[in-house]
C-alpha cells in the first residue's frame, strides 16, 4: 500500500496516519490485466472518521483534469476527410443549457 500511495503522491505515506490493523485486514491489493474498467466516483470533500479530523494532517481534494489537444486523424484513414466540428471544437464540461446535479 505504501508503494501505491507514494506512486500517486510521492512522500504522502510518511505524512498520513498509518492504517489500523482493522483497515489492513479489510484491504486487498490486486494486480490484474484490464481490458475495460468502470469506477465508482463521488465528488466533494473527504469523508473521514471523526477522530481523524483531530489529526494535524492535510486532507482535501486535488482537482485533476483532462485537457483536449489538437485532433490527430488516423493515419490509415483516406486523405481529405475533414475533421468534424464536434471534434475540432470539443470542450469538456456540461452541455450548453444542461443543468448539473449537485
PDB file of N, CA and C in Angstrom:
ATOM      1  N   UNK A   1       0.831  -1.198   0.000  1.00  0.00           N
ATOM      2  CA  UNK A   1       0.000   0.000   0.000  1.00  0.00           C
ATOM      3  C   UNK A   1       0.865   1.248   0.000  1.00  0.00           C
ATOM      4  N   UNK A   2       1.986   1.170   0.704  1.00  0.00           N
ATOM      5  CA  UNK A   2       2.902   2.318   0.726  1.00  0.00           C
ATOM      6  C   UNK A   2       3.339   2.677  -0.698  1.00  0.00           C
ATOM      7  N   UNK A   3       3.659   1.681  -1.492  1.00  0.00           N
ATOM      8  CA  UNK A   3       4.100   1.913  -2.871  1.00  0.00           C
ATOM      9  C   UNK A   3       3.012   2.578  -3.697  1.00  0.00           C
ATOM     10  N   UNK A   4       1.779   2.128  -3.541  1.00  0.00           N
ATOM     11  CA  UNK A   4       0.669   2.707  -4.305  1.00  0.00           C
ATOM     12  C   UNK A   4       0.435   4.161  -3.893  1.00  0.00           C
ATOM     13  N   UNK A   5       0.391   4.415  -2.598  1.00  0.00           N
ATOM     14  CA  UNK A   5       0.167   5.787  -2.114  1.00  0.00           C
ATOM     15  C   UNK A   5       1.275   6.704  -2.593  1.00  0.00           C
ATOM     16  N   UNK A   6       2.526   6.279  -2.458  1.00  0.00           N
ATOM     17  CA  UNK A   6       3.638   7.129  -2.867  1.00  0.00           C
ATOM     18  C   UNK A   6       3.752   7.255  -4.380  1.00  0.00           C
ATOM     19  N   UNK A   7       3.177   6.326  -5.134  1.00  0.00           N
ATOM     20  CA  UNK A   7       3.154   6.456  -6.591  1.00  0.00           C
ATOM     21  C   UNK A   7       2.200   7.582  -7.000  1.00  0.00           C
ATOM     22  N   UNK A   8       1.083   7.712  -6.295  1.00  0.00           N
ATOM     23  CA  UNK A   8       0.102   8.750  -6.607  1.00  0.00           C
ATOM     24  C   UNK A   8       0.642  10.115  -6.196  1.00  0.00           C
ATOM     25  N   UNK A   9       1.122  10.244  -4.959  1.00  0.00           N
ATOM     26  CA  UNK A   9       1.720  11.493  -4.472  1.00  0.00           C
ATOM     27  C   UNK A   9       2.960  11.120  -3.663  1.00  0.00           C
ATOM     28  N   UNK A  10       4.129  11.352  -4.257  1.00  0.00           N
ATOM     29  CA  UNK A  10       5.396  10.960  -3.645  1.00  0.00           C
ATOM     30  C   UNK A  10       5.539  11.519  -2.223  1.00  0.00           C
ATOM     31  N   UNK A  11       5.860  10.638  -1.278  1.00  0.00           N
ATOM     32  CA  UNK A  11       6.102  11.053   0.102  1.00  0.00           C
ATOM     33  C   UNK A  11       4.862  11.142   0.973  1.00  0.00           C
ATOM     34  N   UNK A  12       3.678  10.943   0.410  1.00  0.00           N
ATOM     35  CA  UNK A  12       2.433  11.103   1.176  1.00  0.00           C
ATOM     36  C   UNK A  12       2.316  10.082   2.306  1.00  0.00           C
ATOM     37  N   UNK A  13       2.778   8.849   2.080  1.00  0.00           N
ATOM     38  CA  UNK A  13       2.647   7.797   3.088  1.00  0.00           C
ATOM     39  C   UNK A  13       3.234   8.232   4.431  1.00  0.00           C
ATOM     40  N   UNK A  14       4.367   8.906   4.403  1.00  0.00           N
ATOM     41  CA  UNK A  14       5.029   9.315   5.656  1.00  0.00           C
ATOM     42  C   UNK A  14       4.312  10.457   6.358  1.00  0.00           C
ATOM     43  N   UNK A  15       3.367  11.124   5.685  1.00  0.00           N
ATOM     44  CA  UNK A  15       2.665  12.256   6.275  1.00  0.00           C
ATOM     45  C   UNK A  15       1.302  11.908   6.851  1.00  0.00           C
ATOM     46  N   UNK A  16       0.772  10.754   6.507  1.00  0.00           N
ATOM     47  CA  UNK A  16      -0.578  10.405   6.950  1.00  0.00           C
ATOM     48  C   UNK A  16      -0.534   9.383   8.081  1.00  0.00           C
ATOM     49  N   UNK A  17      -1.675   9.227   8.747  1.00  0.00           N
ATOM     50  CA  UNK A  17      -1.726   8.247   9.824  1.00  0.00           C
ATOM     51  C   UNK A  17      -1.611   6.857   9.230  1.00  0.00           C
ATOM     52  N   UNK A  18      -0.921   5.972   9.936  1.00  0.00           N
ATOM     53  CA  UNK A  18      -0.770   4.595   9.476  1.00  0.00           C
ATOM     54  C   UNK A  18      -2.128   3.896   9.518  1.00  0.00           C
ATOM     55  N   UNK A  19      -2.386   2.977   8.592  1.00  0.00           N
ATOM     56  CA  UNK A  19      -3.655   2.250   8.638  1.00  0.00           C
ATOM     57  C   UNK A  19      -3.745   1.390   9.895  1.00  0.00           C
ATOM     58  N   UNK A  20      -4.941   1.272  10.416  1.00  0.00           N
ATOM     59  CA  UNK A  20      -5.151   0.427  11.594  1.00  0.00           C
ATOM     60  C   UNK A  20      -5.112  -1.044  11.176  1.00  0.00           C
ATOM     61  N   UNK A  21      -4.973  -1.920  12.157  1.00  0.00           N
ATOM     62  CA  UNK A  21      -4.995  -3.360  11.868  1.00  0.00           C
ATOM     63  C   UNK A  21      -6.310  -3.744  11.186  1.00  0.00           C
ATOM     64  N   UNK A  22      -7.425  -3.170  11.649  1.00  0.00           N
ATOM     65  CA  UNK A  22      -8.733  -3.468  11.049  1.00  0.00           C
ATOM     66  C   UNK A  22      -8.757  -3.029   9.585  1.00  0.00           C
ATOM     67  N   UNK A  23      -8.189  -1.865   9.276  1.00  0.00           N
ATOM     68  CA  UNK A  23      -8.152  -1.390   7.894  1.00  0.00           C
ATOM     69  C   UNK A  23      -7.275  -2.297   7.027  1.00  0.00           C
ATOM     70  N   UNK A  24      -6.169  -2.746   7.569  1.00  0.00           N
ATOM     71  CA  UNK A  24      -5.283  -3.655   6.836  1.00  0.00           C
ATOM     72  C   UNK A  24      -6.002  -4.967   6.541  1.00  0.00           C
ATOM     73  N   UNK A  25      -6.730  -5.489   7.524  1.00  0.00           N
ATOM     74  CA  UNK A  25      -7.425  -6.775   7.350  1.00  0.00           C
ATOM     75  C   UNK A  25      -8.492  -6.718   6.256  1.00  0.00           C
ATOM     76  N   UNK A  26      -9.144  -5.579   6.080  1.00  0.00           N
ATOM     77  CA  UNK A  26     -10.235  -5.494   5.096  1.00  0.00           C
ATOM     78  C   UNK A  26      -9.794  -4.887   3.765  1.00  0.00           C
ATOM     79  N   UNK A  27      -8.493  -4.702   3.584  1.00  0.00           N
ATOM     80  CA  UNK A  27      -7.975  -4.122   2.352  1.00  0.00           C
ATOM     81  C   UNK A  27      -7.204  -5.178   1.576  1.00  0.00           C
ATOM     82  N   UNK A  28      -7.450  -5.235   0.287  1.00  0.00           N
ATOM     83  CA  UNK A  28      -6.738  -6.162  -0.581  1.00  0.00           C
ATOM     84  C   UNK A  28      -6.213  -5.380  -1.777  1.00  0.00           C
ATOM     85  N   UNK A  29      -4.988  -5.659  -2.155  1.00  0.00           N
ATOM     86  CA  UNK A  29      -4.380  -5.040  -3.329  1.00  0.00           C
ATOM     87  C   UNK A  29      -4.177  -6.133  -4.360  1.00  0.00           C
ATOM     88  N   UNK A  30      -4.710  -5.913  -5.544  1.00  0.00           N
ATOM     89  CA  UNK A  30      -4.622  -6.890  -6.621  1.00  0.00           C
ATOM     90  C   UNK A  30      -3.913  -6.291  -7.823  1.00  0.00           C
ATOM     91  N   UNK A  31      -3.275  -7.139  -8.572  1.00  0.00           N
ATOM     92  CA  UNK A  31      -2.729  -6.752  -9.865  1.00  0.00           C
ATOM     93  C   UNK A  31      -3.376  -7.661 -10.896  1.00  0.00           C
ATOM     94  N   UNK A  32      -4.061  -7.059 -11.862  1.00  0.00           N
ATOM     95  CA  UNK A  32      -4.706  -7.853 -12.893  1.00  0.00           C
ATOM     96  C   UNK A  32      -4.797  -7.058 -14.182  1.00  0.00           C
ATOM     97  N   UNK A  33      -4.783  -7.762 -15.313  1.00  0.00           N
ATOM     98  CA  UNK A  33      -4.882  -7.048 -16.592  1.00  0.00           C
ATOM     99  C   UNK A  33      -6.305  -6.512 -16.780  1.00  0.00           C
ATOM    100  N   UNK A  34      -6.401  -5.342 -17.392  1.00  0.00           N
ATOM    101  CA  UNK A  34      -7.704  -4.734 -17.647  1.00  0.00           C
ATOM    102  C   UNK A  34      -7.929  -4.574 -19.142  1.00  0.00           C
ATOM    103  N   UNK A  35      -9.033  -5.106 -19.615  1.00  0.00           N
ATOM    104  CA  UNK A  35      -9.452  -4.853 -20.992  1.00  0.00           C
ATOM    105  C   UNK A  35     -10.471  -3.726 -21.031  1.00  0.00           C
ATOM    106  N   UNK A  36     -11.194  -3.558 -19.932  1.00  0.00           N
ATOM    107  CA  UNK A  36     -12.103  -2.440 -19.753  1.00  0.00           C
ATOM    108  C   UNK A  36     -12.291  -2.265 -18.251  1.00  0.00           C
ATOM    109  N   UNK A  37     -12.775  -1.118 -17.850  1.00  0.00           N
ATOM    110  CA  UNK A  37     -12.918  -0.844 -16.423  1.00  0.00           C
ATOM    111  C   UNK A  37     -14.054   0.136 -16.199  1.00  0.00           C
ATOM    112  N   UNK A  38     -14.558   0.145 -14.992  1.00  0.00           N
ATOM    113  CA  UNK A  38     -15.509   1.159 -14.566  1.00  0.00           C
ATOM    114  C   UNK A  38     -15.116   1.559 -13.154  1.00  0.00           C
ATOM    115  N   UNK A  39     -15.600   2.692 -12.718  1.00  0.00           N
ATOM    116  CA  UNK A  39     -15.236   3.184 -11.397  1.00  0.00           C
ATOM    117  C   UNK A  39     -16.434   3.842 -10.744  1.00  0.00           C
ATOM    118  N   UNK A  40     -16.486   3.718  -9.446  1.00  0.00           N
ATOM    119  CA  UNK A  40     -17.475   4.452  -8.667  1.00  0.00           C
ATOM    120  C   UNK A  40     -16.798   5.770  -8.283  1.00  0.00           C
ATOM    121  N   UNK A  41     -17.424   6.863  -8.637  1.00  0.00           N
ATOM    122  CA  UNK A  41     -16.823   8.175  -8.423  1.00  0.00           C
ATOM    123  C   UNK A  41     -17.771   9.029  -7.609  1.00  0.00           C
ATOM    124  N   UNK A  42     -17.234   9.793  -6.700  1.00  0.00           N
ATOM    125  CA  UNK A  42     -18.040  10.746  -5.955  1.00  0.00           C
ATOM    126  C   UNK A  42     -17.296  12.060  -5.927  1.00  0.00           C
ATOM    127  N   UNK A  43     -17.980  13.132  -5.593  1.00  0.00           N
ATOM    128  CA  UNK A  43     -17.331  14.428  -5.503  1.00  0.00           C
ATOM    129  C   UNK A  43     -17.545  14.978  -4.109  1.00  0.00           C
ATOM    130  N   UNK A  44     -16.809  16.025  -3.810  1.00  0.00           N
ATOM    131  CA  UNK A  44     -16.934  16.651  -2.503  1.00  0.00           C
ATOM    132  C   UNK A  44     -15.729  16.358  -1.628  1.00  0.00           C
ATOM    133  N   UNK A  45     -15.742  16.895  -0.430  1.00  0.00           N
ATOM    134  CA  UNK A  45     -14.601  16.727   0.471  1.00  0.00           C
ATOM    135  C   UNK A  45     -14.502  15.289   0.987  1.00  0.00           C
ATOM    136  N   UNK A  46     -13.350  14.932   1.578  1.00  0.00           N
ATOM    137  CA  UNK A  46     -13.190  13.596   2.141  1.00  0.00           C
ATOM    138  C   UNK A  46     -14.230  13.331   3.232  1.00  0.00           C
ATOM    139  N   UNK A  47     -14.549  12.067   3.416  1.00  0.00           N
ATOM    140  CA  UNK A  47     -15.440  11.650   4.499  1.00  0.00           C
ATOM    141  C   UNK A  47     -14.616  10.807   5.461  1.00  0.00           C
ATOM    142  N   UNK A  48     -13.903  11.485   6.357  1.00  0.00           N
ATOM    143  CA  UNK A  48     -13.026  10.807   7.302  1.00  0.00           C
ATOM    144  C   UNK A  48     -13.776  10.377   8.552  1.00  0.00           C
ATOM    145  N   UNK A  49     -13.162   9.448   9.296  1.00  0.00           N
ATOM    146  CA  UNK A  49     -13.689   9.099  10.612  1.00  0.00           C
ATOM    147  C   UNK A  49     -13.542  10.311  11.521  1.00  0.00           C
ATOM    148  N   UNK A  50     -14.463  10.484  12.432  1.00  0.00           N
ATOM    149  CA  UNK A  50     -14.485  11.680  13.292  1.00  0.00           C
ATOM    150  C   UNK A  50     -13.154  11.906  14.006  1.00  0.00           C
ATOM    151  N   UNK A  51     -12.525  10.845  14.512  1.00  0.00           N
ATOM    152  CA  UNK A  51     -11.258  11.025  15.243  1.00  0.00           C
ATOM    153  C   UNK A  51     -10.122  11.486  14.324  1.00  0.00           C
ATOM    154  N   UNK A  52     -10.225  11.235  13.022  1.00  0.00           N
ATOM    155  CA  UNK A  52      -9.172  11.668  12.096  1.00  0.00           C
ATOM    156  C   UNK A  52      -9.169  13.177  11.888  1.00  0.00           C
ATOM    157  N   UNK A  53     -10.289  13.831  12.133  1.00  0.00           N
ATOM    158  CA  UNK A  53     -10.335  15.285  11.952  1.00  0.00           C
ATOM    159  C   UNK A  53      -9.462  16.015  12.976  1.00  0.00           C
ATOM    160  N   UNK A  54      -9.128  15.367  14.087  1.00  0.00           N
ATOM    161  CA  UNK A  54      -8.280  15.995  15.100  1.00  0.00           C
ATOM    162  C   UNK A  54      -6.801  15.915  14.738  1.00  0.00           C
ATOM    163  N   UNK A  55      -6.434  15.083  13.763  1.00  0.00           N
ATOM    164  CA  UNK A  55      -5.037  14.924  13.372  1.00  0.00           C
ATOM    165  C   UNK A  55      -4.560  16.148  12.595  1.00  0.00           C
ATOM    166  N   UNK A  56      -3.310  16.513  12.790  1.00  0.00           N
ATOM    167  CA  UNK A  56      -2.721  17.655  12.085  1.00  0.00           C
ATOM    168  C   UNK A  56      -2.130  17.184  10.762  1.00  0.00           C
ATOM    169  N   UNK A  57      -2.989  16.624   9.910  1.00  0.00           N
ATOM    170  CA  UNK A  57      -2.598  16.105   8.605  1.00  0.00           C
ATOM    171  C   UNK A  57      -3.511  16.739   7.568  1.00  0.00           C
ATOM    172  N   UNK A  58      -2.917  17.254   6.492  1.00  0.00           N
ATOM    173  CA  UNK A  58      -3.727  17.881   5.456  1.00  0.00           C
ATOM    174  C   UNK A  58      -4.670  16.862   4.853  1.00  0.00           C
ATOM    175  N   UNK A  59      -5.895  17.261   4.657  1.00  0.00           N
ATOM    176  CA  UNK A  59      -6.882  16.458   3.936  1.00  0.00           C
ATOM    177  C   UNK A  59      -7.624  17.405   3.011  1.00  0.00           C
ATOM    178  N   UNK A  60      -8.072  16.918   1.917  1.00  0.00           N
ATOM    179  CA  UNK A  60      -8.798  17.762   0.977  1.00  0.00           C
ATOM    180  C   UNK A  60      -8.909  17.095  -0.365  1.00  0.00           C
ATOM    181  N   UNK A  61      -9.073  17.902  -1.389  1.00  0.00           N
ATOM    182  CA  UNK A  61      -9.261  17.417  -2.750  1.00  0.00           C
ATOM    183  C   UNK A  61      -8.229  18.102  -3.637  1.00  0.00           C
ATOM    184  N   UNK A  62      -7.574  17.337  -4.483  1.00  0.00           N
ATOM    185  CA  UNK A  62      -6.679  17.878  -5.501  1.00  0.00           C
ATOM    186  C   UNK A  62      -7.376  17.683  -6.836  1.00  0.00           C
ATOM    187  N   UNK A  63      -8.035  18.721  -7.360  1.00  0.00           N
ATOM    188  CA  UNK A  63      -8.756  18.569  -8.622  1.00  0.00           C
ATOM    189  C   UNK A  63      -7.789  18.272  -9.771  1.00  0.00           C
ATOM    190  N   UNK A  64      -8.137  17.288 -10.564  1.00  0.00           N
ATOM    191  CA  UNK A  64      -7.357  16.944 -11.743  1.00  0.00           C
ATOM    192  C   UNK A  64      -8.251  17.083 -12.956  1.00  0.00           C
ATOM    193  N   UNK A  65      -7.666  17.267 -14.106  1.00  0.00           N
ATOM    194  CA  UNK A  65      -8.469  17.422 -15.309  1.00  0.00           C
ATOM    195  C   UNK A  65      -7.864  16.688 -16.480  1.00  0.00           C
ATOM    196  N   UNK A  66      -8.621  16.656 -17.536  1.00  0.00           N
ATOM    197  CA  UNK A  66      -8.188  16.060 -18.789  1.00  0.00           C
ATOM    198  C   UNK A  66      -8.360  17.132 -19.852  1.00  0.00           C
ATOM    199  N   UNK A  67      -7.278  17.541 -20.468  1.00  0.00           N
ATOM    200  CA  UNK A  67      -7.335  18.599 -21.476  1.00  0.00           C
ATOM    201  C   UNK A  67      -7.356  17.999 -22.866  1.00  0.00           C
ATOM    202  N   UNK A  68      -8.189  18.556 -23.717  1.00  0.00           N
ATOM    203  CA  UNK A  68      -8.218  18.145 -25.115  1.00  0.00           C
ATOM    204  C   UNK A  68      -7.170  18.949 -25.884  1.00  0.00           C
ATOM    205  N   UNK A  69      -6.459  18.279 -26.755  1.00  0.00           N
ATOM    206  CA  UNK A  69      -5.453  18.925 -27.601  1.00  0.00           C
ATOM    207  C   UNK A  69      -5.925  18.844 -29.051  1.00  0.00           C
ATOM    208  N   UNK A  70      -5.090  19.288 -29.959  1.00  0.00           N
ATOM    209  CA  UNK A  70      -5.456  19.274 -31.384  1.00  0.00           C
ATOM    210  C   UNK A  70      -5.746  17.840 -31.828  1.00  0.00           C
ATOM    211  N   UNK A  71      -6.832  17.649 -32.598  1.00  0.00           N
ATOM    212  CA  UNK A  71      -7.169  16.306 -33.067  1.00  0.00           C
ATOM    213  C   UNK A  71      -6.095  15.740 -33.996  1.00  0.00           C
ATOM    214  N   UNK A  72      -5.875  14.444 -33.888  1.00  0.00           N
ATOM    215  CA  UNK A  72      -4.916  13.746 -34.735  1.00  0.00           C
ATOM    216  C   UNK A  72      -5.676  12.696 -35.538  1.00  0.00           C
ATOM    217  N   UNK A  73      -5.803  12.884 -36.855  1.00  0.00           N
ATOM    218  CA  UNK A  73      -6.544  11.910 -37.659  1.00  0.00           C
ATOM    219  C   UNK A  73      -5.797  10.581 -37.733  1.00  0.00           C
ATOM    220  N   UNK A  74      -6.557   9.519 -37.894  1.00  0.00           N
ATOM    221  CA  UNK A  74      -5.982   8.191 -38.067  1.00  0.00           C
ATOM    222  C   UNK A  74      -5.159   8.184 -39.345  1.00  0.00           C
ATOM    223  N   UNK A  75      -3.868   7.840 -39.275  1.00  0.00           N
ATOM    224  CA  UNK A  75      -3.033   7.875 -40.480  1.00  0.00           C
ATOM    225  C   UNK A  75      -3.475   6.872 -41.541  1.00  0.00           C
ATOM    226  N   UNK A  76      -4.297   5.890 -41.169  1.00  0.00           N
ATOM    227  CA  UNK A  76      -4.753   4.901 -42.140  1.00  0.00           C
ATOM    228  C   UNK A  76      -6.078   5.302 -42.805  1.00  0.00           C
ATOM    229  N   UNK A  77      -6.678   6.405 -42.346  1.00  0.00           N
ATOM    230  CA  UNK A  77      -7.919   6.888 -42.977  1.00  0.00           C
ATOM    231  C   UNK A  77      -7.602   7.486 -44.336  1.00  0.00           C
ATOM    232  N   UNK A  78      -8.569   7.439 -45.249  1.00  0.00           N
ATOM    233  CA  UNK A  78      -8.344   8.075 -46.561  1.00  0.00           C
ATOM    234  C   UNK A  78      -8.069   9.576 -46.396  1.00  0.00           C
ATOM    235  N   UNK A  79      -7.219  10.110 -47.243  1.00  0.00           N
ATOM    236  CA  UNK A  79      -6.879  11.538 -47.199  1.00  0.00           C
ATOM    237  C   UNK A  79      -8.090  12.376 -47.578  1.00  0.00           C
ATOM    238  N   UNK A  80      -8.133  13.602 -47.053  1.00  0.00           N
ATOM    239  CA  UNK A  80      -9.144  14.560 -47.458  1.00  0.00           C
ATOM    240  C   UNK A  80     -10.437  14.520 -46.669  1.00  0.00           C
ATOM    241  N   UNK A  81     -10.544  13.655 -45.673  1.00  0.00           N
ATOM    242  CA  UNK A  81     -11.763  13.643 -44.853  1.00  0.00           C
ATOM    243  C   UNK A  81     -11.629  14.767 -43.835  1.00  0.00           C
ATOM    244  N   UNK A  82     -12.550  15.747 -43.855  1.00  0.00           N
ATOM    245  CA  UNK A  82     -12.431  16.867 -42.915  1.00  0.00           C
ATOM    246  C   UNK A  82     -12.716  16.421 -41.476  1.00  0.00           C
ATOM    247  N   UNK A  83     -12.049  17.073 -40.527  1.00  0.00           N
ATOM    248  CA  UNK A  83     -12.302  16.816 -39.112  1.00  0.00           C
ATOM    249  C   UNK A  83     -13.635  17.454 -38.748  1.00  0.00           C
ATOM    250  N   UNK A  84     -14.572  16.693 -38.184  1.00  0.00           N
ATOM    251  CA  UNK A  84     -15.881  17.255 -37.844  1.00  0.00           C
ATOM    252  C   UNK A  84     -15.757  18.373 -36.808  1.00  0.00           C
ATOM    253  N   UNK A  85     -16.693  19.305 -36.851  1.00  0.00           N
ATOM    254  CA  UNK A  85     -16.649  20.443 -35.931  1.00  0.00           C
ATOM    255  C   UNK A  85     -16.767  19.989 -34.472  1.00  0.00           C
ATOM    256  N   UNK A  86     -17.535  18.912 -34.215  1.00  0.00           N
ATOM    257  CA  UNK A  86     -17.661  18.454 -32.827  1.00  0.00           C
ATOM    258  C   UNK A  86     -16.344  17.912 -32.285  1.00  0.00           C
ATOM    259  N   UNK A  87     -15.415  17.548 -33.160  1.00  0.00           N
ATOM    260  CA  UNK A  87     -14.079  17.143 -32.727  1.00  0.00           C
ATOM    261  C   UNK A  87     -13.169  18.371 -32.664  1.00  0.00           C
ATOM    262  N   UNK A  88     -13.200  19.217 -33.708  1.00  0.00           N
ATOM    263  CA  UNK A  88     -12.335  20.417 -33.743  1.00  0.00           C
ATOM    264  C   UNK A  88     -12.590  21.342 -32.571  1.00  0.00           C
ATOM    265  N   UNK A  89     -13.861  21.504 -32.176  1.00  0.00           N
ATOM    266  CA  UNK A  89     -14.212  22.464 -31.134  1.00  0.00           C
ATOM    267  C   UNK A  89     -14.603  21.792 -29.817  1.00  0.00           C
ATOM    268  N   UNK A  90     -14.172  20.549 -29.629  1.00  0.00           N
ATOM    269  CA  UNK A  90     -14.521  19.802 -28.420  1.00  0.00           C
ATOM    270  C   UNK A  90     -14.041  20.539 -27.170  1.00  0.00           C
ATOM    271  N   UNK A  91     -14.904  20.620 -26.176  1.00  0.00           N
ATOM    272  CA  UNK A  91     -14.570  21.187 -24.866  1.00  0.00           C
ATOM    273  C   UNK A  91     -15.198  20.307 -23.807  1.00  0.00           C
ATOM    274  N   UNK A  92     -14.468  20.045 -22.747  1.00  0.00           N
ATOM    275  CA  UNK A  92     -15.025  19.284 -21.628  1.00  0.00           C
ATOM    276  C   UNK A  92     -15.934  20.182 -20.820  1.00  0.00           C
ATOM    277  N   UNK A  93     -16.925  19.590 -20.196  1.00  0.00           N
ATOM    278  CA  UNK A  93     -17.816  20.363 -19.348  1.00  0.00           C
ATOM    279  C   UNK A  93     -19.255  20.070 -19.700  1.00  0.00           C
ATOM    280  N   UNK A  94     -20.162  20.684 -18.968  1.00  0.00           N
ATOM    281  CA  UNK A  94     -21.582  20.424 -19.212  1.00  0.00           C
ATOM    282  C   UNK A  94     -22.009  20.969 -20.570  1.00  0.00           C
ATOM    283  N   UNK A  95     -22.989  20.343 -21.138  1.00  0.00           N
ATOM    284  CA  UNK A  95     -23.535  20.819 -22.409  1.00  0.00           C
ATOM    285  C   UNK A  95     -24.238  22.153 -22.197  1.00  0.00           C
ATOM    286  N   UNK A  96     -24.252  22.971 -23.218  1.00  0.00           N
ATOM    287  CA  UNK A  96     -24.922  24.272 -23.119  1.00  0.00           C
ATOM    288  C   UNK A  96     -26.382  24.053 -22.747  1.00  0.00           C
ATOM    289  N   UNK A  97     -26.839  24.754 -21.757  1.00  0.00           N
ATOM    290  CA  UNK A  97     -28.230  24.655 -21.327  1.00  0.00           C
ATOM    291  C   UNK A  97     -28.512  23.505 -20.378  1.00  0.00           C
ATOM    292  N   UNK A  98     -27.547  22.608 -20.175  1.00  0.00           N
ATOM    293  CA  UNK A  98     -27.761  21.487 -19.271  1.00  0.00           C
ATOM    294  C   UNK A  98     -27.559  21.947 -17.831  1.00  0.00           C
ATOM    295  N   UNK A  99     -28.234  21.295 -16.922  1.00  0.00           N
ATOM    296  CA  UNK A  99     -28.043  21.602 -15.501  1.00  0.00           C
ATOM    297  C   UNK A  99     -27.205  20.519 -14.880  1.00  0.00           C
ATOM    298  N   UNK A 100     -26.382  20.899 -13.918  1.00  0.00           N
ATOM    299  CA  UNK A 100     -25.520  19.949 -13.219  1.00  0.00           C
ATOM    300  C   UNK A 100     -26.183  19.523 -11.921  1.00  0.00           C
ATOM    301  N   UNK A 101     -26.100  18.220 -11.626  1.00  0.00           N
ATOM    302  CA  UNK A 101     -26.571  17.707 -10.342  1.00  0.00           C
ATOM    303  C   UNK A 101     -25.569  18.089  -9.278  1.00  0.00           C
ATOM    304  N   UNK A 102     -26.035  18.462  -8.138  1.00  0.00           N
ATOM    305  CA  UNK A 102     -25.135  18.835  -7.031  1.00  0.00           C
ATOM    306  C   UNK A 102     -25.019  17.701  -6.067  1.00  0.00           C
TER     307      UNK A 102
END
